Amino acid sequence: MADTELLGSMQHAALDDPQPEIIAPSDERAMAILDGFRIDWMNMSDADTGEVLWEESGWDDLLTEREIHIPARILRCRGVSREFQFSSVEMLEGLRLEQRIFFNGGLMEEWFFHFGFVIPNSTNTWQQTIEAAEESKMLPAAALDGNVLIETAFYDDDLLVCKMLLRVFYDM
């Protein structure tokens, strides 16, 4: 399944925006979903050429801030394809992600992705294409390096399962 969103704009939000945070499941259903949910691997590639630029496996703990190191040249891509494989013990009626991108503590962008129904005891692959903003609106890798936090909220329809944080470093 594939979705498309916009990457890299310098859209700034109001000062009263909530800060990124890790949130553990708050009820039994969300706990059961998270206990049986696993991201097996994730990669990012140039959407035009298909060249894989970054890949990582071992996403066991979604409740700890994680650091990822991505080649800075990914910022020159017109589009980035993000693909990940996940496994779920539980049935999900409507898996979806809400991602908020923070730069130096301020909300820069929001992305929304919808997968849909997940069969219990299944392994699935989900791909999204993220289109780059105009070059004049892109921030340089040196400014972004270590200053970008991606907050990902996992939902089953309206039930918040958890929120995780990724701190992004751009390797020059």
N, C-alpha and C. Protein backbone atom coordinates (compact mmCIF):
# COMPACT_ATOMS: atom_id res chain seq x y z
N MET A 1 0.86 -1.17 0.00
CA MET A 1 0.00 0.00 0.00
C MET A 1 0.90 1.23 0.00
N ALA A 2 0.50 2.29 -0.71
CA ALA A 2 1.35 3.47 -0.81
C ALA A 2 0.55 4.73 -0.52
N ASP A 3 1.21 5.71 0.09
CA ASP A 3 0.64 7.02 0.37
C ASP A 3 1.65 8.05 -0.09
N THR A 4 1.23 9.30 -0.26
CA THR A 4 2.13 10.37 -0.65
C THR A 4 1.93 11.56 0.26
N GLU A 5 3.03 12.17 0.72
CA GLU A 5 3.00 13.38 1.53
C GLU A 5 4.13 14.30 1.08
N LEU A 6 4.28 15.46 1.72
CA LEU A 6 5.26 16.46 1.36
C LEU A 6 6.39 16.49 2.38
N LEU A 7 7.64 16.62 1.90
CA LEU A 7 8.82 16.57 2.75
C LEU A 7 9.60 17.87 2.68
N GLY A 8 10.03 18.37 3.83
CA GLY A 8 11.07 19.38 3.88
C GLY A 8 10.65 20.82 3.82
N SER A 9 9.41 21.18 3.90
CA SER A 9 9.06 22.59 3.84
C SER A 9 9.40 23.27 5.16
N MET A 10 9.53 24.59 5.11
CA MET A 10 9.88 25.34 6.31
C MET A 10 8.63 25.95 6.94
N GLN A 11 7.52 25.27 6.82
CA GLN A 11 6.27 25.74 7.42
C GLN A 11 6.42 25.69 8.94
N HIS A 12 6.21 26.82 9.59
CA HIS A 12 6.36 26.88 11.05
C HIS A 12 5.00 27.00 11.71
N ALA A 13 4.88 26.44 12.87
CA ALA A 13 3.60 26.42 13.58
C ALA A 13 3.63 27.41 14.74
N ALA A 14 2.51 27.55 15.38
CA ALA A 14 2.38 28.48 16.51
C ALA A 14 3.24 28.03 17.69
N LEU A 15 3.56 28.97 18.57
CA LEU A 15 4.42 28.69 19.71
C LEU A 15 3.78 27.77 20.74
N ASP A 16 2.46 27.66 20.73
CA ASP A 16 1.78 26.84 21.73
C ASP A 16 1.59 25.39 21.28
N ASP A 17 2.29 24.98 20.23
CA ASP A 17 2.19 23.59 19.78
C ASP A 17 2.68 22.65 20.87
N PRO A 18 2.03 21.50 21.01
CA PRO A 18 2.52 20.51 21.96
C PRO A 18 3.89 19.99 21.52
N GLN A 19 4.68 19.60 22.47
CA GLN A 19 6.01 19.07 22.19
C GLN A 19 5.92 17.58 21.86
N PRO A 20 6.90 17.07 21.11
CA PRO A 20 6.89 15.64 20.79
C PRO A 20 7.05 14.81 22.05
N GLU A 21 6.40 13.66 22.06
CA GLU A 21 6.47 12.81 23.25
C GLU A 21 6.25 11.35 22.90
N ILE A 22 6.78 10.50 23.76
CA ILE A 22 6.53 9.07 23.69
C ILE A 22 5.31 8.80 24.56
N ILE A 23 4.35 8.05 24.02
CA ILE A 23 3.15 7.71 24.79
C ILE A 23 2.96 6.20 24.74
N ALA A 24 2.87 5.58 25.91
CA ALA A 24 2.61 4.14 26.02
C ALA A 24 1.11 3.90 25.90
N PRO A 25 0.72 2.66 25.61
CA PRO A 25 -0.71 2.35 25.52
C PRO A 25 -1.43 2.70 26.82
N SER A 26 -2.67 3.18 26.68
CA SER A 26 -3.41 3.61 27.86
C SER A 26 -4.57 2.69 28.22
N ASP A 27 -4.85 1.69 27.40
CA ASP A 27 -5.91 0.74 27.76
C ASP A 27 -5.53 -0.67 27.29
N GLU A 28 -6.33 -1.65 27.70
CA GLU A 28 -5.99 -3.05 27.44
C GLU A 28 -5.91 -3.37 25.95
N ARG A 29 -6.82 -2.85 25.16
CA ARG A 29 -6.81 -3.14 23.72
C ARG A 29 -5.54 -2.58 23.08
N ALA A 30 -5.18 -1.34 23.40
CA ALA A 30 -3.96 -0.74 22.85
C ALA A 30 -2.73 -1.51 23.30
N MET A 31 -2.70 -1.97 24.56
CA MET A 31 -1.57 -2.77 25.06
C MET A 31 -1.45 -4.08 24.29
N ALA A 32 -2.57 -4.73 24.05
CA ALA A 32 -2.56 -5.99 23.30
C ALA A 32 -2.06 -5.78 21.88
N ILE A 33 -2.49 -4.69 21.25
CA ILE A 33 -2.03 -4.39 19.89
C ILE A 33 -0.53 -4.17 19.89
N LEU A 34 -0.03 -3.31 20.80
CA LEU A 34 1.40 -3.02 20.83
C LEU A 34 2.22 -4.25 21.17
N ASP A 35 1.75 -5.07 22.12
CA ASP A 35 2.47 -6.29 22.49
C ASP A 35 2.66 -7.22 21.29
N GLY A 36 1.69 -7.22 20.37
CA GLY A 36 1.76 -8.11 19.22
C GLY A 36 2.17 -7.43 17.93
N PHE A 37 2.64 -6.17 18.02
CA PHE A 37 3.00 -5.40 16.83
C PHE A 37 4.51 -5.25 16.76
N ARG A 38 5.06 -5.46 15.58
CA ARG A 38 6.51 -5.36 15.42
C ARG A 38 6.83 -4.77 14.06
N ILE A 39 7.74 -3.80 14.02
CA ILE A 39 8.30 -3.34 12.76
C ILE A 39 9.53 -4.19 12.52
N ASP A 40 9.50 -4.98 11.45
CA ASP A 40 10.60 -5.90 11.16
C ASP A 40 11.78 -5.18 10.52
N TRP A 41 11.51 -4.28 9.59
CA TRP A 41 12.55 -3.49 8.94
C TRP A 41 11.92 -2.26 8.28
N MET A 42 12.78 -1.29 7.99
CA MET A 42 12.35 -0.08 7.30
C MET A 42 13.48 0.34 6.37
N ASN A 43 13.10 0.89 5.20
CA ASN A 43 14.11 1.46 4.33
C ASN A 43 13.59 2.74 3.69
N MET A 44 14.52 3.53 3.17
CA MET A 44 14.19 4.73 2.42
C MET A 44 15.01 4.69 1.15
N SER A 45 14.35 5.02 0.04
CA SER A 45 15.04 5.00 -1.25
C SER A 45 14.65 6.22 -2.07
N ASP A 46 15.46 6.50 -3.08
CA ASP A 46 15.15 7.55 -4.04
C ASP A 46 13.93 7.09 -4.82
N ALA A 47 12.83 7.83 -4.75
CA ALA A 47 11.59 7.41 -5.40
C ALA A 47 11.72 7.37 -6.92
N ASP A 48 12.65 8.15 -7.49
CA ASP A 48 12.83 8.16 -8.94
C ASP A 48 13.66 6.99 -9.44
N THR A 49 14.72 6.63 -8.70
CA THR A 49 15.64 5.59 -9.18
C THR A 49 15.45 4.25 -8.49
N GLY A 50 14.83 4.26 -7.32
CA GLY A 50 14.67 3.02 -6.55
C GLY A 50 15.90 2.65 -5.73
N GLU A 51 16.96 3.46 -5.80
CA GLU A 51 18.18 3.17 -5.04
C GLU A 51 17.90 3.28 -3.54
N VAL A 52 18.16 2.20 -2.81
CA VAL A 52 17.98 2.21 -1.35
C VAL A 52 19.12 3.02 -0.74
N LEU A 53 18.76 4.05 0.02
CA LEU A 53 19.74 4.94 0.63
C LEU A 53 19.94 4.67 2.11
N TRP A 54 18.97 4.01 2.73
CA TRP A 54 19.05 3.74 4.16
C TRP A 54 18.15 2.55 4.46
N GLU A 55 18.62 1.68 5.36
CA GLU A 55 17.81 0.54 5.78
C GLU A 55 18.20 0.17 7.20
N GLU A 56 17.20 -0.23 7.98
CA GLU A 56 17.48 -0.64 9.36
C GLU A 56 16.45 -1.67 9.80
N SER A 57 16.92 -2.64 10.56
CA SER A 57 16.02 -3.64 11.14
C SER A 57 16.15 -3.58 12.66
N GLY A 58 15.39 -4.41 13.35
CA GLY A 58 15.50 -4.45 14.81
C GLY A 58 14.76 -3.33 15.51
N TRP A 59 13.51 -3.14 15.16
CA TRP A 59 12.70 -2.08 15.76
C TRP A 59 11.87 -2.66 16.90
N ASP A 60 12.53 -3.29 17.86
CA ASP A 60 11.82 -4.00 18.92
C ASP A 60 11.09 -3.09 19.90
N ASP A 61 11.69 -1.98 20.28
CA ASP A 61 11.12 -1.12 21.32
C ASP A 61 10.61 0.18 20.71
N LEU A 62 9.31 0.33 20.60
CA LEU A 62 8.73 1.54 20.04
C LEU A 62 8.50 2.62 21.10
N LEU A 63 8.85 2.32 22.35
CA LEU A 63 8.59 3.26 23.44
C LEU A 63 9.87 3.91 23.97
N THR A 64 10.93 3.86 23.19
CA THR A 64 12.19 4.51 23.53
C THR A 64 12.59 5.40 22.36
N GLU A 65 13.07 6.62 22.66
CA GLU A 65 13.53 7.48 21.56
C GLU A 65 14.66 6.77 20.83
N ARG A 66 14.59 6.78 19.53
CA ARG A 66 15.54 6.07 18.69
C ARG A 66 16.26 7.09 17.80
N GLU A 67 17.55 6.87 17.58
CA GLU A 67 18.32 7.71 16.66
C GLU A 67 18.49 6.97 15.35
N ILE A 68 18.28 7.69 14.24
CA ILE A 68 18.56 7.10 12.93
C ILE A 68 19.53 8.01 12.20
N HIS A 69 20.41 7.40 11.43
CA HIS A 69 21.42 8.11 10.65
C HIS A 69 21.14 7.86 9.17
N ILE A 70 20.81 8.93 8.47
CA ILE A 70 20.41 8.86 7.07
C ILE A 70 21.43 9.64 6.25
N PRO A 71 21.81 9.16 5.07
CA PRO A 71 22.73 9.94 4.23
C PRO A 71 22.13 11.31 3.88
N ALA A 72 22.93 12.36 4.00
CA ALA A 72 22.44 13.72 3.72
C ALA A 72 21.95 13.86 2.29
N ARG A 73 22.45 13.07 1.37
CA ARG A 73 22.04 13.19 -0.03
C ARG A 73 20.57 12.84 -0.24
N ILE A 74 19.94 12.23 0.75
CA ILE A 74 18.51 11.94 0.63
C ILE A 74 17.70 13.23 0.50
N LEU A 75 18.24 14.34 1.02
CA LEU A 75 17.56 15.63 0.94
C LEU A 75 17.55 16.20 -0.48
N ARG A 76 18.38 15.65 -1.35
CA ARG A 76 18.41 16.10 -2.75
C ARG A 76 17.43 15.33 -3.63
N CYS A 77 16.81 14.30 -3.09
CA CYS A 77 15.86 13.50 -3.87
C CYS A 77 14.56 14.28 -4.07
N ARG A 78 13.97 14.17 -5.26
CA ARG A 78 12.68 14.82 -5.53
C ARG A 78 11.56 14.14 -4.76
N GLY A 79 11.76 12.87 -4.48
CA GLY A 79 10.80 12.11 -3.69
C GLY A 79 11.52 10.98 -3.00
N VAL A 80 11.04 10.62 -1.82
CA VAL A 80 11.63 9.53 -1.04
C VAL A 80 10.55 8.48 -0.83
N SER A 81 10.91 7.24 -1.13
CA SER A 81 10.02 6.12 -0.87
C SER A 81 10.42 5.50 0.46
N ARG A 82 9.48 5.46 1.38
CA ARG A 82 9.73 4.82 2.67
C ARG A 82 8.91 3.54 2.68
N GLU A 83 9.57 2.44 2.99
CA GLU A 83 8.89 1.15 3.00
C GLU A 83 9.23 0.45 4.30
N PHE A 84 8.23 -0.17 4.91
CA PHE A 84 8.54 -0.98 6.08
C PHE A 84 7.65 -2.20 6.13
N GLN A 85 8.22 -3.23 6.75
CA GLN A 85 7.48 -4.47 6.96
C GLN A 85 7.11 -4.53 8.43
N PHE A 86 5.85 -4.86 8.69
CA PHE A 86 5.40 -4.99 10.06
C PHE A 86 4.60 -6.27 10.22
N SER A 87 4.60 -6.77 11.44
CA SER A 87 3.84 -7.96 11.78
C SER A 87 2.88 -7.60 12.91
N SER A 88 1.70 -8.22 12.87
CA SER A 88 0.71 -7.95 13.90
C SER A 88 0.01 -9.25 14.30
N VAL A 89 -0.01 -9.51 15.59
CA VAL A 89 -0.75 -10.65 16.13
C VAL A 89 -2.24 -10.30 16.13
N GLU A 90 -2.55 -9.07 16.48
CA GLU A 90 -3.94 -8.62 16.62
C GLU A 90 -4.51 -8.16 15.28
N MET A 91 -5.81 -8.28 15.13
CA MET A 91 -6.52 -7.69 14.00
C MET A 91 -6.66 -6.19 14.26
N LEU A 92 -6.43 -5.41 13.23
CA LEU A 92 -6.65 -3.97 13.31
C LEU A 92 -7.68 -3.59 12.26
N GLU A 93 -8.68 -2.84 12.68
CA GLU A 93 -9.74 -2.41 11.75
C GLU A 93 -9.24 -1.34 10.80
N GLY A 94 -8.38 -0.46 11.30
CA GLY A 94 -7.95 0.67 10.47
C GLY A 94 -6.61 1.21 10.91
N LEU A 95 -5.52 0.52 10.56
CA LEU A 95 -4.19 1.00 10.93
C LEU A 95 -3.90 2.31 10.19
N ARG A 96 -3.45 3.28 10.97
CA ARG A 96 -3.05 4.54 10.38
C ARG A 96 -1.95 5.17 11.22
N LEU A 97 -1.18 6.05 10.59
CA LEU A 97 -0.10 6.77 11.25
C LEU A 97 -0.35 8.26 11.13
N GLU A 98 -0.02 8.97 12.18
CA GLU A 98 0.05 10.43 12.14
C GLU A 98 1.47 10.78 12.54
N GLN A 99 2.15 11.50 11.66
CA GLN A 99 3.52 11.89 11.96
C GLN A 99 3.62 13.40 12.03
N ARG A 100 4.31 13.85 13.08
CA ARG A 100 4.59 15.27 13.24
C ARG A 100 6.10 15.42 13.22
N ILE A 101 6.57 16.35 12.39
CA ILE A 101 7.99 16.58 12.22
C ILE A 101 8.33 17.87 12.96
N PHE A 102 9.24 17.76 13.93
CA PHE A 102 9.66 18.90 14.73
C PHE A 102 11.09 19.28 14.39
N PHE A 103 11.34 20.58 14.28
CA PHE A 103 12.69 21.10 14.06
C PHE A 103 12.98 22.08 15.19
N ASN A 104 14.02 21.80 15.96
CA ASN A 104 14.38 22.63 17.12
C ASN A 104 13.18 22.89 18.03
N GLY A 105 12.36 21.87 18.22
CA GLY A 105 11.23 21.95 19.14
C GLY A 105 9.95 22.52 18.56
N GLY A 106 10.00 23.09 17.35
CA GLY A 106 8.80 23.65 16.73
C GLY A 106 8.24 22.72 15.67
N LEU A 107 6.94 22.66 15.58
CA LEU A 107 6.28 21.81 14.60
C LEU A 107 6.54 22.36 13.20
N MET A 108 7.10 21.52 12.33
CA MET A 108 7.44 21.93 10.98
C MET A 108 6.44 21.39 9.96
N GLU A 109 6.03 20.13 10.13
CA GLU A 109 5.11 19.49 9.19
C GLU A 109 4.30 18.42 9.89
N GLU A 110 3.19 18.05 9.27
CA GLU A 110 2.40 16.91 9.71
C GLU A 110 2.09 16.05 8.49
N TRP A 111 2.18 14.73 8.68
CA TRP A 111 1.88 13.78 7.60
C TRP A 111 0.87 12.78 8.13
N PHE A 112 -0.05 12.35 7.28
CA PHE A 112 -1.09 11.39 7.66
C PHE A 112 -1.10 10.25 6.65
N PHE A 113 -1.05 9.02 7.15
CA PHE A 113 -1.01 7.83 6.30
C PHE A 113 -2.06 6.83 6.78
N HIS A 114 -2.75 6.20 5.84
CA HIS A 114 -3.79 5.23 6.16
C HIS A 114 -3.47 3.90 5.48
N PHE A 115 -3.37 2.84 6.27
CA PHE A 115 -3.15 1.50 5.73
C PHE A 115 -4.47 0.75 5.61
N GLY A 116 -5.24 0.74 6.68
CA GLY A 116 -6.53 0.04 6.67
C GLY A 116 -6.50 -1.23 7.48
N PHE A 117 -7.28 -2.20 7.03
CA PHE A 117 -7.48 -3.46 7.75
C PHE A 117 -6.20 -4.28 7.79
N VAL A 118 -5.90 -4.84 8.97
CA VAL A 118 -4.74 -5.73 9.15
C VAL A 118 -5.26 -7.07 9.64
N ILE A 119 -4.94 -8.11 8.90
CA ILE A 119 -5.34 -9.48 9.25
C ILE A 119 -4.56 -9.91 10.49
N PRO A 120 -5.20 -10.58 11.46
CA PRO A 120 -4.45 -11.05 12.63
C PRO A 120 -3.39 -12.06 12.22
N ASN A 121 -2.29 -12.08 12.97
CA ASN A 121 -1.17 -12.99 12.72
C ASN A 121 -0.65 -12.86 11.29
N SER A 122 -0.49 -11.61 10.84
CA SER A 122 -0.03 -11.37 9.47
C SER A 122 1.25 -10.54 9.46
N THR A 123 1.95 -10.61 8.34
CA THR A 123 3.10 -9.77 8.06
C THR A 123 2.77 -8.99 6.80
N ASN A 124 3.00 -7.69 6.85
CA ASN A 124 2.60 -6.79 5.77
C ASN A 124 3.73 -5.84 5.42
N THR A 125 3.72 -5.35 4.19
CA THR A 125 4.66 -4.33 3.76
C THR A 125 3.86 -3.09 3.39
N TRP A 126 4.34 -1.93 3.85
CA TRP A 126 3.65 -0.67 3.61
C TRP A 126 4.65 0.31 3.04
N GLN A 127 4.30 0.92 1.93
CA GLN A 127 5.18 1.88 1.27
C GLN A 127 4.48 3.23 1.16
N GLN A 128 5.23 4.29 1.45
CA GLN A 128 4.73 5.65 1.28
C GLN A 128 5.74 6.42 0.44
N THR A 129 5.25 7.32 -0.39
CA THR A 129 6.13 8.21 -1.14
C THR A 129 5.98 9.60 -0.57
N ILE A 130 7.11 10.18 -0.22
CA ILE A 130 7.13 11.51 0.39
C ILE A 130 7.80 12.44 -0.61
N GLU A 131 7.05 13.41 -1.10
CA GLU A 131 7.56 14.33 -2.11
C GLU A 131 8.28 15.49 -1.44
N ALA A 132 9.41 15.89 -2.04
CA ALA A 132 10.21 16.97 -1.48
C ALA A 132 9.56 18.32 -1.77
N ALA A 133 9.79 19.25 -0.87
CA ALA A 133 9.37 20.63 -1.10
C ALA A 133 10.29 21.25 -2.14
N GLU A 134 9.93 22.44 -2.60
CA GLU A 134 10.80 23.15 -3.53
C GLU A 134 12.17 23.34 -2.89
N GLU A 135 13.20 23.35 -3.74
CA GLU A 135 14.57 23.47 -3.22
C GLU A 135 14.75 24.74 -2.39
N SER A 136 14.09 25.82 -2.76
CA SER A 136 14.23 27.08 -2.03
C SER A 136 13.63 27.01 -0.62
N LYS A 137 12.79 26.02 -0.38
CA LYS A 137 12.17 25.87 0.93
C LYS A 137 12.84 24.79 1.78
N MET A 138 13.86 24.16 1.26
CA MET A 138 14.56 23.10 1.99
C MET A 138 15.60 23.69 2.92
N LEU A 139 15.74 23.09 4.07
CA LEU A 139 16.80 23.46 5.01
C LEU A 139 18.01 22.59 4.74
N PRO A 140 19.22 23.11 4.96
CA PRO A 140 20.42 22.30 4.71
C PRO A 140 20.58 21.19 5.76
N ALA A 141 21.25 20.12 5.34
CA ALA A 141 21.46 18.97 6.22
C ALA A 141 22.17 19.37 7.51
N ALA A 142 23.13 20.29 7.42
CA ALA A 142 23.87 20.70 8.62
C ALA A 142 22.95 21.33 9.67
N ALA A 143 21.93 22.05 9.23
CA ALA A 143 20.98 22.66 10.17
C ALA A 143 20.03 21.62 10.74
N LEU A 144 19.65 20.65 9.92
CA LEU A 144 18.69 19.62 10.34
C LEU A 144 19.32 18.56 11.24
N ASP A 145 20.60 18.30 11.05
CA ASP A 145 21.31 17.19 11.69
C ASP A 145 21.13 17.18 13.21
N GLY A 146 20.41 16.17 13.71
CA GLY A 146 20.18 16.01 15.14
C GLY A 146 19.11 16.91 15.71
N ASN A 147 18.60 17.83 14.91
CA ASN A 147 17.60 18.79 15.37
C ASN A 147 16.18 18.45 14.91
N VAL A 148 16.03 17.32 14.22
CA VAL A 148 14.73 16.89 13.74
C VAL A 148 14.25 15.71 14.57
N LEU A 149 13.05 15.84 15.10
CA LEU A 149 12.39 14.74 15.80
C LEU A 149 11.13 14.38 15.02
N ILE A 150 10.96 13.10 14.75
CA ILE A 150 9.75 12.61 14.10
C ILE A 150 8.93 11.86 15.15
N GLU A 151 7.76 12.38 15.43
CA GLU A 151 6.83 11.74 16.35
C GLU A 151 5.83 10.95 15.50
N THR A 152 5.77 9.65 15.72
CA THR A 152 4.85 8.80 14.97
C THR A 152 3.82 8.24 15.94
N ALA A 153 2.56 8.54 15.66
CA ALA A 153 1.45 7.99 16.45
C ALA A 153 0.82 6.86 15.64
N PHE A 154 0.72 5.69 16.26
CA PHE A 154 0.09 4.52 15.65
C PHE A 154 -1.33 4.42 16.17
N TYR A 155 -2.28 4.29 15.27
CA TYR A 155 -3.69 4.20 15.63
C TYR A 155 -4.33 2.97 15.01
N ASP A 156 -5.33 2.45 15.70
CA ASP A 156 -6.30 1.53 15.11
C ASP A 156 -7.61 2.31 15.09
N ASP A 157 -7.97 2.81 13.92
CA ASP A 157 -9.06 3.78 13.78
C ASP A 157 -8.78 4.96 14.71
N ASP A 158 -9.61 5.18 15.75
CA ASP A 158 -9.40 6.32 16.64
C ASP A 158 -8.66 5.95 17.93
N LEU A 159 -8.32 4.68 18.10
CA LEU A 159 -7.62 4.23 19.31
C LEU A 159 -6.12 4.47 19.16
N LEU A 160 -5.57 5.33 20.01
CA LEU A 160 -4.13 5.55 20.02
C LEU A 160 -3.45 4.34 20.64
N VAL A 161 -2.59 3.69 19.86
CA VAL A 161 -1.85 2.53 20.35
C VAL A 161 -0.60 3.00 21.07
N CYS A 162 0.19 3.87 20.43
CA CYS A 162 1.38 4.44 21.06
C CYS A 162 1.92 5.56 20.19
N LYS A 163 2.83 6.34 20.78
CA LYS A 163 3.60 7.33 20.04
C LYS A 163 5.07 7.02 20.26
N MET A 164 5.84 7.08 19.17
CA MET A 164 7.28 6.86 19.26
C MET A 164 8.01 8.08 18.71
N LEU A 165 9.30 8.21 19.07
CA LEU A 165 10.12 9.33 18.61
C LEU A 165 11.38 8.83 17.92
N LEU A 166 11.68 9.47 16.79
CA LEU A 166 12.94 9.23 16.08
C LEU A 166 13.69 10.55 16.00
N ARG A 167 14.96 10.55 16.38
CA ARG A 167 15.82 11.71 16.18
C ARG A 167 16.66 11.42 14.95
N VAL A 168 16.61 12.36 14.00
CA VAL A 168 17.24 12.14 12.70
C VAL A 168 18.58 12.86 12.61
N PHE A 169 19.59 12.10 12.22
CA PHE A 169 20.91 12.64 11.94
C PHE A 169 21.19 12.43 10.46
N TYR A 170 21.76 13.45 9.83
CA TYR A 170 22.09 13.37 8.40
C TYR A 170 23.59 13.24 8.27
N ASP A 171 24.03 12.07 7.83
CA ASP A 171 25.46 11.80 7.68
C ASP A 171 25.95 12.46 6.40
N MET A 172 26.95 13.32 6.57
CA MET A 172 27.50 14.08 5.42
C MET A 172 28.43 13.22 4.60
